[in-house]
Amino acid sequence: MRFPRRLALGASLLVLLSACTTGGGSTTIKIGSDGFDEARVVAEVYAQALQANGFTVDRAGIGLGTRKVTAAAIESGEIDLKPEYLGSGLIYYGGTSTRSSDQNRSALQAALQPKGITVLDYTPAQDTNAFVVRRETAEQYDLARMSDVAPVQDELKWALATDCPTNPLCAEALKDEYGLEPADVTLLDACSGPMAEALKSGTVDVAELCSTGPEIKINDWVVLEDDRQTQPAENIAPIVRTDVLDKIDRAKFEQVLNDVSAKIDTATLAQLYYDVAIEHKDLADVARDWLRSVGLVS
């Protein structure tokens, strides 16, 4: 049977359009992140890069909450992708983190594979937990390393992350490696404005901040050396639900994100964080301007 010419042309056009569909097809990639500004801006960078390459994204999960919240969200399918910090993510999932980025990525992938989650390439950038004091406090108590703090710990007021009591990289590391069990502790959101403000105002004397936190440089604060090397390699990698990867052009998707991650060094990460947290620039503008500056979007 011959098709009428009009129908045949229509069928040919349909085939052509099908061949030119975007990498995501009809699949929407639901992007999420932890709640602090650095994680939010990295998630937005990934979102814009994917959009520029034809994928459909949903940003509702950006800034969703703590790791406990976002881990549950990606496992349940509430979100499909989030930036994860290799060392802390590995600890959360019951692994033993190291100071090797490659080892942490491999171990995190092994932990997440049974949950149907894939770890993509990680950034050169790292952001570790940092314990920070004002310069006058460092000079008053002669503090340069974490091991200097134990003799004066009860003379200091502390601000630690809300998950510190159950986080092996925080309370456990402080106690086991440094003999630190401070008595005067306030729990605040990690790497947050309130945490930095508490240190700046003198409400606390020691604060747990991100090592890339812009407040550290602005205020000339002192990051206490982690001389017992308790903090692991903390490069950032997108983690993605594997069932979503199976529905899209996986090779293209992974290449887009891997290309983005390769461009994010520690100085870039700190600048992105600064622009959002200190300059209060719009999240989307910061992400777009950086992607353009490195030639990843037009």
C-alpha atoms as a PDB file:
ATOM      1  CA  MET A   1       0.000   0.000   0.000  1.00  0.00           C
ATOM      2  CA  ARG A   2       1.246   3.438  -0.877  1.00  0.00           C
ATOM      3  CA  PHE A   3       0.837   6.363   1.524  1.00  0.00           C
ATOM      4  CA  PRO A   4      -0.631   9.560   0.139  1.00  0.00           C
ATOM      5  CA  ARG A   5       2.157  12.056  -0.490  1.00  0.00           C
ATOM      6  CA  ARG A   6       0.974  14.440   2.256  1.00  0.00           C
ATOM      7  CA  LEU A   7       0.915  11.619   4.818  1.00  0.00           C
ATOM      8  CA  ALA A   8       4.315  10.366   3.730  1.00  0.00           C
ATOM      9  CA  LEU A   9       5.797  13.830   4.137  1.00  0.00           C
ATOM     10  CA  GLY A  10       4.213  14.102   7.557  1.00  0.00           C
ATOM     11  CA  ALA A  11       5.688  10.772   8.586  1.00  0.00           C
ATOM     12  CA  SER A  12       9.117  11.858   7.351  1.00  0.00           C
ATOM     13  CA  LEU A  13       8.858  15.102   9.307  1.00  0.00           C
ATOM     14  CA  LEU A  14       7.925  13.180  12.448  1.00  0.00           C
ATOM     15  CA  VAL A  15      10.988  10.984  12.061  1.00  0.00           C
ATOM     16  CA  LEU A  16      13.176  14.043  11.540  1.00  0.00           C
ATOM     17  CA  LEU A  17      11.790  15.774  14.622  1.00  0.00           C
ATOM     18  CA  SER A  18      12.250  12.649  16.675  1.00  0.00           C
ATOM     19  CA  ALA A  19      15.885  12.513  15.669  1.00  0.00           C
ATOM     20  CA  CYS A  20      16.367  16.111  16.791  1.00  0.00           C
ATOM     21  CA  THR A  21      14.763  15.887  20.206  1.00  0.00           C
ATOM     22  CA  THR A  22      16.720  17.296  23.117  1.00  0.00           C
ATOM     23  CA  GLY A  23      18.878  15.092  25.317  1.00  0.00           C
ATOM     24  CA  GLY A  24      16.255  14.885  28.049  1.00  0.00           C
ATOM     25  CA  GLY A  25      13.311  14.095  25.799  1.00  0.00           C
ATOM     26  CA  SER A  26      10.192  14.522  27.905  1.00  0.00           C
ATOM     27  CA  THR A  27      12.009  13.760  31.167  1.00  0.00           C
ATOM     28  CA  THR A  28      12.286  16.621  33.654  1.00  0.00           C
ATOM     29  CA  ILE A  29      15.399  16.571  35.827  1.00  0.00           C
ATOM     30  CA  LYS A  30      14.465  17.540  39.388  1.00  0.00           C
ATOM     31  CA  ILE A  31      17.468  19.310  40.884  1.00  0.00           C
ATOM     32  CA  GLY A  32      18.010  19.759  44.605  1.00  0.00           C
ATOM     33  CA  SER A  33      20.704  20.831  47.050  1.00  0.00           C
ATOM     34  CA  ASP A  34      21.492  21.310  50.690  1.00  0.00           C
ATOM     35  CA  GLY A  35      20.333  24.599  52.144  1.00  0.00           C
ATOM     36  CA  PHE A  36      23.469  26.729  52.354  1.00  0.00           C
ATOM     37  CA  ASP A  37      24.454  29.203  49.668  1.00  0.00           C
ATOM     38  CA  GLU A  38      27.450  27.373  48.254  1.00  0.00           C
ATOM     39  CA  ALA A  39      25.458  24.194  47.594  1.00  0.00           C
ATOM     40  CA  ARG A  40      22.596  26.248  46.166  1.00  0.00           C
ATOM     41  CA  VAL A  41      24.738  28.117  43.646  1.00  0.00           C
ATOM     42  CA  VAL A  42      26.510  24.948  42.462  1.00  0.00           C
ATOM     43  CA  ALA A  43      23.115  23.308  41.930  1.00  0.00           C
ATOM     44  CA  GLU A  44      21.978  26.343  39.913  1.00  0.00           C
ATOM     45  CA  VAL A  45      25.132  26.167  37.785  1.00  0.00           C
ATOM     46  CA  TYR A  46      24.385  22.533  36.967  1.00  0.00           C
ATOM     47  CA  ALA A  47      20.747  23.389  36.249  1.00  0.00           C
ATOM     48  CA  GLN A  48      21.591  26.164  33.787  1.00  0.00           C
ATOM     49  CA  ALA A  49      24.219  24.092  32.002  1.00  0.00           C
ATOM     50  CA  LEU A  50      21.714  21.278  31.504  1.00  0.00           C
ATOM     51  CA  GLN A  51      19.045  23.690  30.275  1.00  0.00           C
ATOM     52  CA  ALA A  52      21.466  25.238  27.788  1.00  0.00           C
ATOM     53  CA  ASN A  53      22.029  21.765  26.377  1.00  0.00           C
ATOM     54  CA  GLY A  54      18.381  20.923  25.867  1.00  0.00           C
ATOM     55  CA  PHE A  55      17.431  19.257  29.127  1.00  0.00           C
ATOM     56  CA  THR A  56      14.317  20.250  31.070  1.00  0.00           C
ATOM     57  CA  VAL A  57      14.951  21.014  34.737  1.00  0.00           C
ATOM     58  CA  ASP A  58      12.877  21.632  37.851  1.00  0.00           C
ATOM     59  CA  ARG A  59      14.618  23.720  40.540  1.00  0.00           C
ATOM     60  CA  ALA A  60      12.085  23.282  43.347  1.00  0.00           C
ATOM     61  CA  GLY A  61      14.515  21.207  45.400  1.00  0.00           C
ATOM     62  CA  ILE A  62      17.393  23.709  45.412  1.00  0.00           C
ATOM     63  CA  GLY A  63      18.027  24.726  49.022  1.00  0.00           C
ATOM     64  CA  LEU A  64      15.822  21.911  50.298  1.00  0.00           C
ATOM     65  CA  GLY A  65      17.546  21.448  53.665  1.00  0.00           C
ATOM     66  CA  THR A  66      20.240  19.477  55.465  1.00  0.00           C
ATOM     67  CA  ARG A  67      21.967  16.397  54.042  1.00  0.00           C
ATOM     68  CA  LYS A  68      19.527  14.226  55.976  1.00  0.00           C
ATOM     69  CA  VAL A  69      16.672  15.879  54.094  1.00  0.00           C
ATOM     70  CA  THR A  70      18.274  15.865  50.641  1.00  0.00           C
ATOM     71  CA  ALA A  71      19.558  12.310  50.970  1.00  0.00           C
ATOM     72  CA  ALA A  72      16.035  11.110  51.691  1.00  0.00           C
ATOM     73  CA  ALA A  73      14.745  13.221  48.794  1.00  0.00           C
ATOM     74  CA  ILE A  74      17.078  11.737  46.177  1.00  0.00           C
ATOM     75  CA  GLU A  75      16.541   8.204  47.452  1.00  0.00           C
ATOM     76  CA  SER A  76      12.760   8.612  47.238  1.00  0.00           C
ATOM     77  CA  GLY A  77      12.789  10.343  43.833  1.00  0.00           C
ATOM     78  CA  GLU A  78      11.608  13.701  45.164  1.00  0.00           C
ATOM     79  CA  ILE A  79      14.747  15.039  43.494  1.00  0.00           C
ATOM     80  CA  ASP A  80      16.929  13.421  40.828  1.00  0.00           C
ATOM     81  CA  LEU A  81      20.240  15.239  41.229  1.00  0.00           C
ATOM     82  CA  LYS A  82      22.149  17.093  43.913  1.00  0.00           C
ATOM     83  CA  PRO A  83      25.726  18.315  44.425  1.00  0.00           C
ATOM     84  CA  GLU A  84      27.369  16.147  47.091  1.00  0.00           C
ATOM     85  CA  TYR A  85      30.547  16.671  49.099  1.00  0.00           C
ATOM     86  CA  LEU A  86      32.477  13.420  48.728  1.00  0.00           C
ATOM     87  CA  GLY A  87      33.913  12.996  52.210  1.00  0.00           C
ATOM     88  CA  SER A  88      30.871  14.087  54.180  1.00  0.00           C
ATOM     89  CA  GLY A  89      28.526  12.204  51.883  1.00  0.00           C
ATOM     90  CA  LEU A  90      30.544   9.034  52.350  1.00  0.00           C
ATOM     91  CA  ILE A  91      30.484   9.409  56.124  1.00  0.00           C
ATOM     92  CA  TYR A  92      26.717   9.959  56.021  1.00  0.00           C
ATOM     93  CA  TYR A  93      26.243   6.680  54.169  1.00  0.00           C
ATOM     94  CA  GLY A  94      28.341   4.760  56.683  1.00  0.00           C
ATOM     95  CA  GLY A  95      31.682   4.736  54.862  1.00  0.00           C
ATOM     96  CA  THR A  96      35.139   5.686  56.048  1.00  0.00           C
ATOM     97  CA  SER A  97      36.391   8.799  54.312  1.00  0.00           C
ATOM     98  CA  THR A  98      39.999   9.593  53.499  1.00  0.00           C
ATOM     99  CA  ARG A  99      42.052  12.497  52.243  1.00  0.00           C
ATOM    100  CA  SER A 100      42.068  10.931  48.765  1.00  0.00           C
ATOM    101  CA  SER A 101      39.458  12.339  46.391  1.00  0.00           C
ATOM    102  CA  ASP A 102      39.539   9.285  44.145  1.00  0.00           C
ATOM    103  CA  GLN A 103      39.133   6.871  47.024  1.00  0.00           C
ATOM    104  CA  ASN A 104      36.243   8.862  48.453  1.00  0.00           C
ATOM    105  CA  ARG A 105      34.460   8.959  45.099  1.00  0.00           C
ATOM    106  CA  SER A 106      34.878   5.212  44.557  1.00  0.00           C
ATOM    107  CA  ALA A 107      33.692   4.396  48.064  1.00  0.00           C
ATOM    108  CA  LEU A 108      30.729   6.765  47.772  1.00  0.00           C
ATOM    109  CA  GLN A 109      29.734   5.138  44.474  1.00  0.00           C
ATOM    110  CA  ALA A 110      29.890   1.706  46.103  1.00  0.00           C
ATOM    111  CA  ALA A 111      27.665   2.941  48.923  1.00  0.00           C
ATOM    112  CA  LEU A 112      25.142   4.571  46.584  1.00  0.00           C
ATOM    113  CA  GLN A 113      24.951   1.965  43.850  1.00  0.00           C
ATOM    114  CA  PRO A 114      22.493  -0.265  45.778  1.00  0.00           C
ATOM    115  CA  LYS A 115      20.306   2.809  46.225  1.00  0.00           C
ATOM    116  CA  GLY A 116      20.206   3.410  42.467  1.00  0.00           C
ATOM    117  CA  ILE A 117      22.355   6.541  42.534  1.00  0.00           C
ATOM    118  CA  THR A 118      25.338   7.329  40.298  1.00  0.00           C
ATOM    119  CA  VAL A 119      28.276   9.586  41.235  1.00  0.00           C
ATOM    120  CA  LEU A 120      29.626  11.692  38.353  1.00  0.00           C
ATOM    121  CA  ASP A 121      33.033  13.397  38.103  1.00  0.00           C
ATOM    122  CA  TYR A 122      34.094  15.625  40.971  1.00  0.00           C
ATOM    123  CA  THR A 123      35.318  19.212  40.982  1.00  0.00           C
ATOM    124  CA  PRO A 124      38.949  20.172  41.595  1.00  0.00           C
ATOM    125  CA  ALA A 125      37.446  22.482  44.249  1.00  0.00           C
ATOM    126  CA  GLN A 126      37.226  21.369  47.849  1.00  0.00           C
ATOM    127  CA  ASP A 127      35.372  22.837  50.801  1.00  0.00           C
ATOM    128  CA  THR A 128      36.032  21.251  54.174  1.00  0.00           C
ATOM    129  CA  ASN A 129      34.678  21.856  57.653  1.00  0.00           C
ATOM    130  CA  ALA A 130      36.778  24.570  59.282  1.00  0.00           C
ATOM    131  CA  PHE A 131      36.949  25.711  62.886  1.00  0.00           C
ATOM    132  CA  VAL A 132      37.477  29.449  62.918  1.00  0.00           C
ATOM    133  CA  VAL A 133      38.285  32.107  65.524  1.00  0.00           C
ATOM    134  CA  ARG A 134      38.607  35.876  65.431  1.00  0.00           C
ATOM    135  CA  ARG A 135      42.212  37.045  65.131  1.00  0.00           C
ATOM    136  CA  GLU A 136      42.156  38.650  68.579  1.00  0.00           C
ATOM    137  CA  THR A 137      41.020  35.340  70.078  1.00  0.00           C
ATOM    138  CA  ALA A 138      43.833  33.501  68.311  1.00  0.00           C
ATOM    139  CA  GLU A 139      46.352  35.999  69.680  1.00  0.00           C
ATOM    140  CA  GLN A 140      44.890  36.040  73.197  1.00  0.00           C
ATOM    141  CA  TYR A 141      45.029  32.251  73.608  1.00  0.00           C
ATOM    142  CA  ASP A 142      47.928  31.552  71.209  1.00  0.00           C
ATOM    143  CA  LEU A 143      45.782  29.434  68.911  1.00  0.00           C
ATOM    144  CA  ALA A 144      46.994  28.273  65.505  1.00  0.00           C
ATOM    145  CA  ARG A 145      46.090  24.568  65.450  1.00  0.00           C
ATOM    146  CA  MET A 146      43.128  22.586  66.694  1.00  0.00           C
ATOM    147  CA  SER A 147      45.443  20.792  69.109  1.00  0.00           C
ATOM    148  CA  ASP A 148      46.110  24.166  70.808  1.00  0.00           C
ATOM    149  CA  VAL A 149      42.499  24.527  71.889  1.00  0.00           C
ATOM    150  CA  ALA A 150      41.953  21.780  74.491  1.00  0.00           C
ATOM    151  CA  PRO A 151      43.582  23.617  77.436  1.00  0.00           C
ATOM    152  CA  VAL A 152      41.318  26.658  76.961  1.00  0.00           C
ATOM    153  CA  GLN A 153      38.200  25.046  75.490  1.00  0.00           C
ATOM    154  CA  ASP A 154      35.969  25.904  78.454  1.00  0.00           C
ATOM    155  CA  GLU A 155      36.977  29.555  78.311  1.00  0.00           C
ATOM    156  CA  LEU A 156      35.522  29.740  74.805  1.00  0.00           C
ATOM    157  CA  LYS A 157      31.953  29.887  73.539  1.00  0.00           C
ATOM    158  CA  TRP A 158      31.346  27.603  70.548  1.00  0.00           C
ATOM    159  CA  ALA A 159      28.967  27.583  67.580  1.00  0.00           C
ATOM    160  CA  LEU A 160      28.772  24.191  65.889  1.00  0.00           C
ATOM    161  CA  ALA A 161      26.593  22.767  63.120  1.00  0.00           C
ATOM    162  CA  THR A 162      23.203  21.390  64.074  1.00  0.00           C
ATOM    163  CA  ASP A 163      24.273  17.894  63.035  1.00  0.00           C
ATOM    164  CA  CYS A 164      27.555  18.084  64.966  1.00  0.00           C
ATOM    165  CA  PRO A 165      26.473  15.806  67.857  1.00  0.00           C
ATOM    166  CA  THR A 166      25.829  12.916  65.433  1.00  0.00           C
ATOM    167  CA  ASN A 167      28.370  13.772  62.727  1.00  0.00           C
ATOM    168  CA  PRO A 168      31.621  11.775  63.033  1.00  0.00           C
ATOM    169  CA  LEU A 169      33.501  14.604  61.347  1.00  0.00           C
ATOM    170  CA  CYS A 170      32.444  17.001  64.100  1.00  0.00           C
ATOM    171  CA  ALA A 171      31.737  15.929  67.702  1.00  0.00           C
ATOM    172  CA  GLU A 172      33.426  12.543  67.382  1.00  0.00           C
ATOM    173  CA  ALA A 173      36.523  13.968  65.682  1.00  0.00           C
ATOM    174  CA  LEU A 174      36.765  16.828  68.164  1.00  0.00           C
ATOM    175  CA  LYS A 175      36.597  14.455  71.130  1.00  0.00           C
ATOM    176  CA  ASP A 176      38.665  11.521  69.869  1.00  0.00           C
ATOM    177  CA  GLU A 177      41.422  13.414  68.087  1.00  0.00           C
ATOM    178  CA  TYR A 178      41.640  16.664  70.032  1.00  0.00           C
ATOM    179  CA  GLY A 179      40.101  15.946  73.438  1.00  0.00           C
ATOM    180  CA  LEU A 180      37.515  18.633  72.857  1.00  0.00           C
ATOM    181  CA  GLU A 181      34.140  18.436  74.582  1.00  0.00           C
ATOM    182  CA  PRO A 182      33.225  22.126  74.930  1.00  0.00           C
ATOM    183  CA  ALA A 183      30.612  22.987  77.525  1.00  0.00           C
ATOM    184  CA  ASP A 184      29.226  26.227  76.075  1.00  0.00           C
ATOM    185  CA  VAL A 185      27.878  25.259  72.650  1.00  0.00           C
ATOM    186  CA  THR A 186      25.252  26.807  70.395  1.00  0.00           C
ATOM    187  CA  LEU A 187      24.019  24.715  67.467  1.00  0.00           C
ATOM    188  CA  LEU A 188      23.389  26.633  64.234  1.00  0.00           C
ATOM    189  CA  ASP A 189      22.973  25.763  60.565  1.00  0.00           C
ATOM    190  CA  ALA A 190      26.280  24.813  58.972  1.00  0.00           C
ATOM    191  CA  CYS A 191      28.102  27.453  56.918  1.00  0.00           C
ATOM    192  CA  SER A 192      25.285  29.902  57.514  1.00  0.00           C
ATOM    193  CA  GLY A 193      24.962  33.647  57.915  1.00  0.00           C
ATOM    194  CA  PRO A 194      23.862  33.282  61.554  1.00  0.00           C
ATOM    195  CA  MET A 195      26.948  31.152  62.284  1.00  0.00           C
ATOM    196  CA  ALA A 196      29.279  33.787  60.826  1.00  0.00           C
ATOM    197  CA  GLU A 197      27.374  36.623  62.484  1.00  0.00           C
ATOM    198  CA  ALA A 198      27.639  34.938  65.891  1.00  0.00           C
ATOM    199  CA  LEU A 199      31.427  34.852  65.521  1.00  0.00           C
ATOM    200  CA  LYS A 200      31.620  38.396  64.193  1.00  0.00           C
ATOM    201  CA  SER A 201      29.492  39.836  66.984  1.00  0.00           C
ATOM    202  CA  GLY A 202      31.422  38.028  69.720  1.00  0.00           C
ATOM    203  CA  THR A 203      28.440  35.938  70.751  1.00  0.00           C
ATOM    204  CA  VAL A 204      30.735  32.938  70.204  1.00  0.00           C
ATOM    205  CA  ASP A 205      34.510  32.557  70.005  1.00  0.00           C
ATOM    206  CA  VAL A 206      34.830  29.453  67.827  1.00  0.00           C
ATOM    207  CA  ALA A 207      32.590  28.759  64.829  1.00  0.00           C
ATOM    208  CA  GLU A 208      32.328  25.827  62.458  1.00  0.00           C
ATOM    209  CA  LEU A 209      32.330  27.296  58.963  1.00  0.00           C
ATOM    210  CA  CYS A 210      33.038  26.156  55.433  1.00  0.00           C
ATOM    211  CA  SER A 211      36.698  26.582  54.484  1.00  0.00           C
ATOM    212  CA  THR A 212      35.563  28.545  51.410  1.00  0.00           C
ATOM    213  CA  GLY A 213      33.349  30.821  53.517  1.00  0.00           C
ATOM    214  CA  PRO A 214      33.844  34.406  52.302  1.00  0.00           C
ATOM    215  CA  GLU A 215      33.385  35.802  55.810  1.00  0.00           C
ATOM    216  CA  ILE A 216      36.752  34.320  56.793  1.00  0.00           C
ATOM    217  CA  LYS A 217      38.719  36.504  54.384  1.00  0.00           C
ATOM    218  CA  ILE A 218      36.566  39.589  54.830  1.00  0.00           C
ATOM    219  CA  ASN A 219      36.962  39.592  58.616  1.00  0.00           C
ATOM    220  CA  ASP A 220      40.589  38.389  58.716  1.00  0.00           C
ATOM    221  CA  TRP A 221      39.606  35.411  60.847  1.00  0.00           C
ATOM    222  CA  VAL A 222      41.956  32.555  61.622  1.00  0.00           C
ATOM    223  CA  VAL A 223      41.233  29.024  60.420  1.00  0.00           C
ATOM    224  CA  LEU A 224      42.682  26.643  62.988  1.00  0.00           C
ATOM    225  CA  GLU A 225      44.888  24.046  61.322  1.00  0.00           C
ATOM    226  CA  ASP A 226      43.412  20.545  61.362  1.00  0.00           C
ATOM    227  CA  ASP A 227      46.786  19.153  62.437  1.00  0.00           C
ATOM    228  CA  ARG A 228      45.413  15.671  63.196  1.00  0.00           C
ATOM    229  CA  GLN A 229      43.918  15.567  59.683  1.00  0.00           C
ATOM    230  CA  THR A 230      40.377  14.715  60.748  1.00  0.00           C
ATOM    231  CA  GLN A 231      38.674  16.264  57.730  1.00  0.00           C
ATOM    232  CA  PRO A 232      38.509  14.244  54.488  1.00  0.00           C
ATOM    233  CA  ALA A 233      38.784  15.287  50.850  1.00  0.00           C
ATOM    234  CA  GLU A 234      35.600  17.248  50.153  1.00  0.00           C
ATOM    235  CA  ASN A 235      35.408  17.706  46.392  1.00  0.00           C
ATOM    236  CA  ILE A 236      31.899  18.194  45.012  1.00  0.00           C
ATOM    237  CA  ALA A 237      30.271  15.764  42.584  1.00  0.00           C
ATOM    238  CA  PRO A 238      26.757  15.614  41.156  1.00  0.00           C
ATOM    239  CA  ILE A 239      24.965  12.485  42.301  1.00  0.00           C
ATOM    240  CA  VAL A 240      22.084  11.391  40.065  1.00  0.00           C
ATOM    241  CA  ARG A 241      19.351   8.794  40.196  1.00  0.00           C
ATOM    242  CA  THR A 242      20.371   5.998  37.831  1.00  0.00           C
ATOM    243  CA  ASP A 243      16.805   5.374  36.662  1.00  0.00           C
ATOM    244  CA  VAL A 244      16.716   8.955  35.364  1.00  0.00           C
ATOM    245  CA  LEU A 245      20.000   8.466  33.500  1.00  0.00           C
ATOM    246  CA  ASP A 246      18.445   5.456  31.796  1.00  0.00           C
ATOM    247  CA  LYS A 247      15.618   7.620  30.378  1.00  0.00           C
ATOM    248  CA  ILE A 248      17.737  10.329  28.769  1.00  0.00           C
ATOM    249  CA  ASP A 249      20.780  10.774  26.558  1.00  0.00           C
ATOM    250  CA  ARG A 250      23.093   9.646  29.324  1.00  0.00           C
ATOM    251  CA  ALA A 251      26.363  10.293  27.536  1.00  0.00           C
ATOM    252  CA  LYS A 252      25.384  13.876  26.736  1.00  0.00           C
ATOM    253  CA  PHE A 253      24.017  14.509  30.224  1.00  0.00           C
ATOM    254  CA  GLU A 254      27.145  13.243  31.941  1.00  0.00           C
ATOM    255  CA  GLN A 255      29.426  15.155  29.578  1.00  0.00           C
ATOM    256  CA  VAL A 256      27.612  18.426  30.300  1.00  0.00           C
ATOM    257  CA  LEU A 257      27.950  18.027  34.054  1.00  0.00           C
ATOM    258  CA  ASN A 258      31.488  16.670  33.941  1.00  0.00           C
ATOM    259  CA  ASP A 259      32.573  19.645  31.814  1.00  0.00           C
ATOM    260  CA  VAL A 260      31.070  22.018  34.369  1.00  0.00           C
ATOM    261  CA  SER A 261      32.647  20.261  37.342  1.00  0.00           C
ATOM    262  CA  ALA A 262      36.077  20.323  35.687  1.00  0.00           C
ATOM    263  CA  LYS A 263      35.963  24.133  35.613  1.00  0.00           C
ATOM    264  CA  ILE A 264      35.131  24.622  39.310  1.00  0.00           C
ATOM    265  CA  ASP A 265      38.356  25.034  41.255  1.00  0.00           C
ATOM    266  CA  THR A 266      38.500  26.161  44.871  1.00  0.00           C
ATOM    267  CA  ALA A 267      38.948  29.850  43.991  1.00  0.00           C
ATOM    268  CA  THR A 268      35.905  29.691  41.711  1.00  0.00           C
ATOM    269  CA  LEU A 269      33.839  27.954  44.366  1.00  0.00           C
ATOM    270  CA  ALA A 270      34.773  30.574  46.927  1.00  0.00           C
ATOM    271  CA  GLN A 271      33.899  33.397  44.507  1.00  0.00           C
ATOM    272  CA  LEU A 272      30.505  31.918  43.646  1.00  0.00           C
ATOM    273  CA  TYR A 273      29.820  31.544  47.366  1.00  0.00           C
ATOM    274  CA  TYR A 274      30.950  35.141  48.003  1.00  0.00           C
ATOM    275  CA  ASP A 275      28.765  36.597  45.258  1.00  0.00           C
ATOM    276  CA  VAL A 276      25.638  34.972  46.664  1.00  0.00           C
ATOM    277  CA  ALA A 277      26.276  35.132  50.418  1.00  0.00           C
ATOM    278  CA  ILE A 278      28.062  38.482  50.755  1.00  0.00           C
ATOM    279  CA  GLU A 279      27.171  40.470  47.643  1.00  0.00           C
ATOM    280  CA  HIS A 280      23.609  39.103  47.759  1.00  0.00           C
ATOM    281  CA  LYS A 281      23.533  38.745  44.000  1.00  0.00           C
ATOM    282  CA  ASP A 282      20.747  36.787  42.378  1.00  0.00           C
ATOM    283  CA  LEU A 283      21.514  33.077  42.303  1.00  0.00           C
ATOM    284  CA  ALA A 284      20.587  32.694  38.638  1.00  0.00           C
ATOM    285  CA  ASP A 285      22.644  35.736  37.598  1.00  0.00           C
ATOM    286  CA  VAL A 286      25.748  34.481  39.395  1.00  0.00           C
ATOM    287  CA  ALA A 287      25.476  31.052  37.796  1.00  0.00           C
ATOM    288  CA  ARG A 288      24.794  32.428  34.311  1.00  0.00           C
ATOM    289  CA  ASP A 289      27.617  34.953  34.404  1.00  0.00           C
ATOM    290  CA  TRP A 290      30.146  32.357  35.486  1.00  0.00           C
ATOM    291  CA  LEU A 291      29.035  29.783  32.898  1.00  0.00           C
ATOM    292  CA  ARG A 292      29.377  32.428  30.195  1.00  0.00           C
ATOM    293  CA  SER A 293      32.783  33.525  31.458  1.00  0.00           C
ATOM    294  CA  VAL A 294      34.200  30.019  31.012  1.00  0.00           C
ATOM    295  CA  GLY A 295      32.476  29.422  27.671  1.00  0.00           C
ATOM    296  CA  LEU A 296      30.082  26.727  28.813  1.00  0.00           C
ATOM    297  CA  VAL A 297      26.961  28.615  27.720  1.00  0.00           C
ATOM    298  CA  SER A 298      26.479  31.403  25.207  1.00  0.00           C
END
